[in-house]
Amino acid sequence: MNLINLFYKNEYFIRIVPYYFTGYDEKGGIMNMQENDTICLLKECDAGSKMAVSAIDEIMEKVHCPDFKDLLNETKDHHAALGNDIHAALLECHSGEKDPNPFAKGMAWMKTNMQMGIDESDETAADLMTSGCDMGIKSLYKYMNQYKDASEDAKKLCQRLIAIEEELRKCLHTYL
């Protein structure tokens, strides 16, 4: 966070305005700390919800229990709906979306396929999903702490995503 002075030239005088400068937005305008933190938090939530939907899609075809499949479908719908809300919030901030890190996505795919190749059971699928929930929850709390100046609306969206992950983790205990 750098304190800089922006000079605005008026007809007869120059006014010095202190401003917390954190970077430029996509249109070249200057962002303040709250705008920057809001966009960063929303982008991380966007990537997280996409990662969750991708993980659920990956594991869904390997699940045998109809109730477990229903749980995953319901959770996927919650993630997708919240992802739409997050995307709308990013558009309001004049920012684009963020995709999950390709390396993280590839590692998750490899871990899923290796473990399911060894033991294609609902218990293994539940274990993998529980690990994914734990990583997601941990990351989201980390980003909430990192982007403290984010807007209350962005924090509420992040809390909703955390709540979805925590509820899924709790429901998965039945299948472990």
Protein backbone atom coordinates (compact mmCIF):
# COMPACT_ATOMS: atom_id res chain seq x y z
CA MET A 1 0.00 0.00 0.00
CA ASN A 2 1.72 3.16 -1.20
CA LEU A 3 0.60 6.64 -0.33
CA ILE A 4 0.97 8.85 -3.36
CA ASN A 5 -0.24 12.26 -4.21
CA LEU A 6 -2.25 12.77 -7.31
CA PHE A 7 -2.14 16.21 -8.81
CA TYR A 8 -5.26 17.62 -10.35
CA LYS A 9 -4.70 20.80 -12.30
CA ASN A 10 -7.49 23.27 -12.06
CA GLU A 11 -7.52 26.61 -13.89
CA TYR A 12 -5.59 28.57 -11.25
CA PHE A 13 -4.25 26.07 -8.75
CA ILE A 14 -3.05 22.54 -8.30
CA ARG A 15 -4.80 20.47 -5.66
CA ILE A 16 -2.92 17.63 -3.97
CA VAL A 17 -5.09 14.65 -3.13
CA PRO A 18 -3.74 11.80 -0.98
CA TYR A 19 -4.88 8.45 -2.30
CA TYR A 20 -4.10 4.86 -1.39
CA PHE A 21 -2.77 3.48 -4.61
CA THR A 22 -2.85 -0.28 -5.16
CA GLY A 23 -2.81 -0.59 -8.91
CA TYR A 24 -4.80 0.02 -12.02
CA ASP A 25 -8.09 -1.54 -13.00
CA GLU A 26 -8.65 -3.15 -16.40
CA LYS A 27 -9.62 0.20 -17.94
CA GLY A 28 -6.47 1.94 -16.70
CA GLY A 29 -8.17 3.71 -13.80
CA ILE A 30 -6.66 3.72 -10.35
CA MET A 31 -8.05 1.25 -7.80
CA ASN A 32 -8.16 1.88 -4.08
CA MET A 33 -7.41 -0.79 -1.48
CA GLN A 34 -11.03 -1.87 -0.98
CA GLU A 35 -11.66 -2.24 -4.72
CA ASN A 36 -8.45 -4.20 -5.15
CA ASP A 37 -9.13 -6.52 -2.20
CA THR A 38 -12.74 -7.00 -3.29
CA ILE A 39 -11.72 -8.01 -6.81
CA CYS A 40 -8.94 -10.30 -5.55
CA LEU A 41 -11.24 -12.05 -3.05
CA LEU A 42 -14.00 -12.46 -5.63
CA LYS A 43 -11.54 -13.88 -8.16
CA GLU A 44 -10.27 -16.45 -5.67
CA CYS A 45 -13.85 -17.43 -4.80
CA ASP A 46 -14.63 -17.70 -8.52
CA ALA A 47 -11.66 -20.00 -9.09
CA GLY A 48 -12.61 -22.03 -6.01
CA SER A 49 -16.20 -22.57 -7.07
CA LYS A 50 -15.04 -23.63 -10.55
CA MET A 51 -12.50 -26.01 -9.01
CA ALA A 52 -15.25 -27.56 -6.87
CA VAL A 53 -17.58 -28.05 -9.84
CA SER A 54 -14.73 -29.62 -11.82
CA ALA A 55 -13.84 -31.98 -8.94
CA ILE A 56 -17.47 -33.03 -8.50
CA ASP A 57 -17.78 -33.72 -12.24
CA GLU A 58 -14.58 -35.78 -12.12
CA ILE A 59 -15.70 -37.96 -9.21
CA MET A 60 -19.41 -38.20 -10.07
CA GLU A 61 -19.03 -40.94 -12.69
CA LYS A 62 -17.12 -43.11 -10.22
CA VAL A 63 -19.72 -42.95 -7.42
CA HIS A 64 -22.08 -45.93 -7.07
CA CYS A 65 -24.50 -44.98 -4.26
CA PRO A 66 -27.55 -43.04 -5.58
CA ASP A 67 -27.79 -40.95 -2.38
CA PHE A 68 -24.14 -39.97 -2.69
CA LYS A 69 -24.70 -38.98 -6.33
CA ASP A 70 -27.71 -36.88 -5.29
CA LEU A 71 -25.61 -35.14 -2.63
CA LEU A 72 -22.90 -34.36 -5.18
CA ASN A 73 -25.44 -33.11 -7.73
CA GLU A 74 -27.08 -30.85 -5.15
CA THR A 75 -23.72 -29.50 -4.04
CA LYS A 76 -22.64 -28.94 -7.62
CA ASP A 77 -25.82 -26.92 -8.22
CA HIS A 78 -25.09 -24.80 -5.11
CA HIS A 79 -21.52 -24.16 -6.30
CA ALA A 80 -22.69 -23.28 -9.81
CA ALA A 81 -25.39 -20.89 -8.54
CA LEU A 82 -22.95 -19.20 -6.17
CA GLY A 83 -20.39 -19.07 -8.98
CA ASN A 84 -22.94 -17.13 -11.04
CA ASP A 85 -23.42 -14.68 -8.15
CA ILE A 86 -19.65 -14.26 -7.83
CA HIS A 87 -19.31 -13.71 -11.57
CA ALA A 88 -22.06 -11.05 -11.44
CA ALA A 89 -20.22 -9.32 -8.58
CA LEU A 90 -17.00 -9.37 -10.61
CA LEU A 91 -18.82 -7.79 -13.55
CA GLU A 92 -20.12 -5.05 -11.23
CA CYS A 93 -16.48 -4.36 -10.32
CA HIS A 94 -15.62 -4.25 -14.05
CA SER A 95 -13.37 -7.28 -13.66
CA GLY A 96 -13.09 -10.60 -15.42
CA GLU A 97 -13.38 -14.06 -13.97
CA LYS A 98 -10.57 -16.32 -12.79
CA ASP A 99 -10.07 -19.94 -13.71
CA PRO A 100 -8.52 -22.42 -11.30
CA ASN A 101 -4.76 -22.82 -11.42
CA PRO A 102 -4.09 -25.39 -14.18
CA PHE A 103 -1.33 -27.02 -12.12
CA ALA A 104 -3.62 -27.44 -9.09
CA LYS A 105 -6.40 -28.74 -11.32
CA GLY A 106 -4.03 -31.22 -12.98
CA MET A 107 -2.68 -32.45 -9.65
CA ALA A 108 -6.24 -32.94 -8.33
CA TRP A 109 -7.15 -34.87 -11.48
CA MET A 110 -4.08 -37.07 -11.15
CA LYS A 111 -4.67 -37.77 -7.44
CA THR A 112 -8.33 -38.60 -8.08
CA ASN A 113 -7.59 -40.98 -10.94
CA MET A 114 -4.70 -42.68 -9.17
CA GLN A 115 -6.62 -43.30 -5.94
CA MET A 116 -9.84 -44.28 -7.70
CA GLY A 117 -7.81 -46.59 -9.98
CA ILE A 118 -6.54 -48.43 -6.91
CA ASP A 119 -9.86 -48.50 -5.04
CA GLU A 120 -12.97 -47.37 -6.93
CA SER A 121 -15.27 -47.24 -3.92
CA ASP A 122 -17.62 -44.64 -2.53
CA GLU A 123 -15.40 -44.47 0.57
CA THR A 124 -12.42 -43.42 -1.55
CA ALA A 125 -14.56 -40.88 -3.42
CA ALA A 126 -15.82 -39.46 -0.10
CA ASP A 127 -12.26 -39.30 1.22
CA LEU A 128 -11.09 -37.41 -1.87
CA MET A 129 -14.03 -35.00 -1.69
CA THR A 130 -13.41 -34.43 2.03
CA SER A 131 -9.77 -33.57 1.31
CA GLY A 132 -10.91 -31.18 -1.41
CA CYS A 133 -13.37 -29.50 0.97
CA ASP A 134 -10.65 -29.12 3.59
CA MET A 135 -8.28 -27.52 1.08
CA GLY A 136 -11.02 -25.22 -0.20
CA ILE A 137 -12.05 -24.10 3.28
CA LYS A 138 -8.44 -23.50 4.29
CA SER A 139 -7.74 -21.48 1.13
CA LEU A 140 -10.89 -19.40 1.46
CA TYR A 141 -10.11 -18.47 5.07
CA LYS A 142 -6.57 -17.60 4.00
CA TYR A 143 -7.92 -15.27 1.30
CA MET A 144 -10.43 -13.72 3.73
CA ASN A 145 -7.50 -12.86 6.02
CA GLN A 146 -5.30 -11.71 3.14
CA TYR A 147 -7.93 -9.42 1.61
CA LYS A 148 -9.26 -7.85 4.82
CA ASP A 149 -10.33 -4.65 3.08
CA ALA A 150 -12.69 -6.42 0.67
CA SER A 151 -16.28 -5.22 0.61
CA GLU A 152 -18.82 -6.79 2.96
CA ASP A 153 -20.69 -8.21 -0.05
CA ALA A 154 -17.55 -9.99 -1.27
CA LYS A 155 -16.92 -11.35 2.22
CA LYS A 156 -20.51 -12.62 2.40
CA LEU A 157 -20.09 -14.45 -0.92
CA CYS A 158 -16.88 -16.01 0.40
CA GLN A 159 -18.65 -17.03 3.62
CA ARG A 160 -21.44 -18.64 1.57
CA LEU A 161 -18.86 -20.67 -0.35
CA ILE A 162 -17.20 -21.71 2.91
CA ALA A 163 -20.61 -22.74 4.30
CA ILE A 164 -21.31 -24.91 1.23
CA GLU A 165 -17.91 -26.60 1.61
CA GLU A 166 -18.39 -27.16 5.35
CA GLU A 167 -21.87 -28.62 4.84
CA LEU A 168 -20.61 -30.98 2.12
CA ARG A 169 -17.73 -32.08 4.34
CA LYS A 170 -20.18 -32.81 7.15
CA CYS A 171 -22.51 -34.80 4.84
CA LEU A 172 -19.58 -36.80 3.45
CA HIS A 173 -18.91 -38.34 6.88
CA THR A 174 -21.71 -40.83 6.14
CA TYR A 175 -19.79 -42.25 3.17
CA LEU A 176 -16.31 -42.50 4.72
